[in-house]
Amino acid sequence: MRDTEIDEAQIDLRLAMLKHWYGDLLTEEQWAEVREGVREELVEVADALRTVELGYDDEPFPLFTPYRGED
């Protein structure tokens, strides 16, 4: 598998979810365009994630929530 290839199962799952919500609103031709859009987006996101270098000691940033008193 090339670096920019995406597993078809990932695309199928996302497309199934979209068809569940919006199935009656699009034609088969439009769904083919949506499928290509999903594929392109997944490849773009995967490429962006690969550019981030992480070490074994890297941790997520903690979420800071300021104390604003009693509600």
C-alpha atoms as a PDB file:
ATOM      1  CA  MET A   1       0.000   0.000   0.000  1.00  0.00           C
ATOM      2  CA  ARG A   2       1.347   3.418  -0.938  1.00  0.00           C
ATOM      3  CA  ASP A   3       1.514   6.152   1.685  1.00  0.00           C
ATOM      4  CA  THR A   4      -1.364   8.091   0.135  1.00  0.00           C
ATOM      5  CA  GLU A   5      -3.665   5.125  -0.447  1.00  0.00           C
ATOM      6  CA  ILE A   6      -6.629   4.830   1.862  1.00  0.00           C
ATOM      7  CA  ASP A   7      -8.313   1.596   2.854  1.00  0.00           C
ATOM      8  CA  GLU A   8     -11.547   1.218   0.886  1.00  0.00           C
ATOM      9  CA  ALA A   9     -13.308   0.026   4.063  1.00  0.00           C
ATOM     10  CA  GLN A  10     -12.756   3.460   5.644  1.00  0.00           C
ATOM     11  CA  ILE A  11     -14.328   5.137   2.642  1.00  0.00           C
ATOM     12  CA  ASP A  12     -17.218   2.645   2.588  1.00  0.00           C
ATOM     13  CA  LEU A  13     -17.987   3.239   6.276  1.00  0.00           C
ATOM     14  CA  ARG A  14     -18.071   7.000   5.896  1.00  0.00           C
ATOM     15  CA  LEU A  15     -20.157   6.769   2.738  1.00  0.00           C
ATOM     16  CA  ALA A  16     -22.630   4.391   4.431  1.00  0.00           C
ATOM     17  CA  MET A  17     -23.087   6.894   7.249  1.00  0.00           C
ATOM     18  CA  LEU A  18     -23.711   9.719   4.786  1.00  0.00           C
ATOM     19  CA  LYS A  19     -26.141   7.594   2.762  1.00  0.00           C
ATOM     20  CA  HIS A  20     -28.024   6.754   5.957  1.00  0.00           C
ATOM     21  CA  TRP A  21     -28.533  10.466   6.635  1.00  0.00           C
ATOM     22  CA  TYR A  22     -28.876  11.823   3.085  1.00  0.00           C
ATOM     23  CA  GLY A  23     -29.573   8.773   0.915  1.00  0.00           C
ATOM     24  CA  ASP A  24     -32.677  10.062  -0.834  1.00  0.00           C
ATOM     25  CA  LEU A  25     -31.271  13.482  -1.671  1.00  0.00           C
ATOM     26  CA  LEU A  26     -28.535  12.542  -4.167  1.00  0.00           C
ATOM     27  CA  THR A  27     -28.345  10.584  -7.408  1.00  0.00           C
ATOM     28  CA  GLU A  28     -25.862   7.747  -7.962  1.00  0.00           C
ATOM     29  CA  GLU A  29     -23.691  10.104 -10.016  1.00  0.00           C
ATOM     30  CA  GLN A  30     -23.641  12.596  -7.149  1.00  0.00           C
ATOM     31  CA  TRP A  31     -22.779   9.806  -4.693  1.00  0.00           C
ATOM     32  CA  ALA A  32     -19.808   8.897  -6.903  1.00  0.00           C
ATOM     33  CA  GLU A  33     -18.606  12.497  -6.590  1.00  0.00           C
ATOM     34  CA  VAL A  34     -19.100  12.391  -2.814  1.00  0.00           C
ATOM     35  CA  ARG A  35     -17.076   9.157  -2.671  1.00  0.00           C
ATOM     36  CA  GLU A  36     -14.173  10.827  -4.503  1.00  0.00           C
ATOM     37  CA  GLY A  37     -14.411  13.819  -2.164  1.00  0.00           C
ATOM     38  CA  VAL A  38     -14.242  11.541   0.876  1.00  0.00           C
ATOM     39  CA  ARG A  39     -11.232   9.742  -0.619  1.00  0.00           C
ATOM     40  CA  GLU A  40      -9.405  13.017  -1.346  1.00  0.00           C
ATOM     41  CA  GLU A  41     -10.133  14.367   2.136  1.00  0.00           C
ATOM     42  CA  LEU A  42      -8.875  11.203   3.842  1.00  0.00           C
ATOM     43  CA  VAL A  43      -5.666  11.253   1.786  1.00  0.00           C
ATOM     44  CA  GLU A  44      -5.144  14.943   2.590  1.00  0.00           C
ATOM     45  CA  VAL A  45      -5.673  14.400   6.323  1.00  0.00           C
ATOM     46  CA  ALA A  46      -3.406  11.333   6.352  1.00  0.00           C
ATOM     47  CA  ASP A  47      -0.657  13.280   4.577  1.00  0.00           C
ATOM     48  CA  ALA A  48      -0.986  16.160   7.053  1.00  0.00           C
ATOM     49  CA  LEU A  49      -0.762  13.790  10.025  1.00  0.00           C
ATOM     50  CA  ARG A  50       2.390  12.204   8.610  1.00  0.00           C
ATOM     51  CA  THR A  51       4.160  15.589   8.618  1.00  0.00           C
ATOM     52  CA  VAL A  52       3.927  15.843  12.415  1.00  0.00           C
ATOM     53  CA  GLU A  53       6.959  14.336  14.077  1.00  0.00           C
ATOM     54  CA  LEU A  54       6.253  12.780  17.460  1.00  0.00           C
ATOM     55  CA  GLY A  55       8.644  11.191  19.894  1.00  0.00           C
ATOM     56  CA  TYR A  56       7.877   8.474  22.384  1.00  0.00           C
ATOM     57  CA  ASP A  57       7.757  11.004  25.212  1.00  0.00           C
ATOM     58  CA  ASP A  58       5.328  13.407  23.470  1.00  0.00           C
ATOM     59  CA  GLU A  59       1.969  13.776  25.177  1.00  0.00           C
ATOM     60  CA  PRO A  60      -1.215  15.657  24.276  1.00  0.00           C
ATOM     61  CA  PHE A  61      -1.547  19.226  25.486  1.00  0.00           C
ATOM     62  CA  PRO A  62      -3.669  19.463  28.642  1.00  0.00           C
ATOM     63  CA  LEU A  63      -6.963  21.286  28.272  1.00  0.00           C
ATOM     64  CA  PHE A  64      -6.946  24.441  30.394  1.00  0.00           C
ATOM     65  CA  THR A  65     -10.312  25.363  31.856  1.00  0.00           C
ATOM     66  CA  PRO A  66     -10.218  28.451  34.080  1.00  0.00           C
ATOM     67  CA  TYR A  67     -12.176  28.385  37.312  1.00  0.00           C
ATOM     68  CA  ARG A  68     -15.019  30.888  37.084  1.00  0.00           C
ATOM     69  CA  GLY A  69     -16.575  30.379  40.477  1.00  0.00           C
ATOM     70  CA  GLU A  70     -19.715  28.567  41.471  1.00  0.00           C
ATOM     71  CA  ASP A  71     -22.455  28.281  38.863  1.00  0.00           C
END
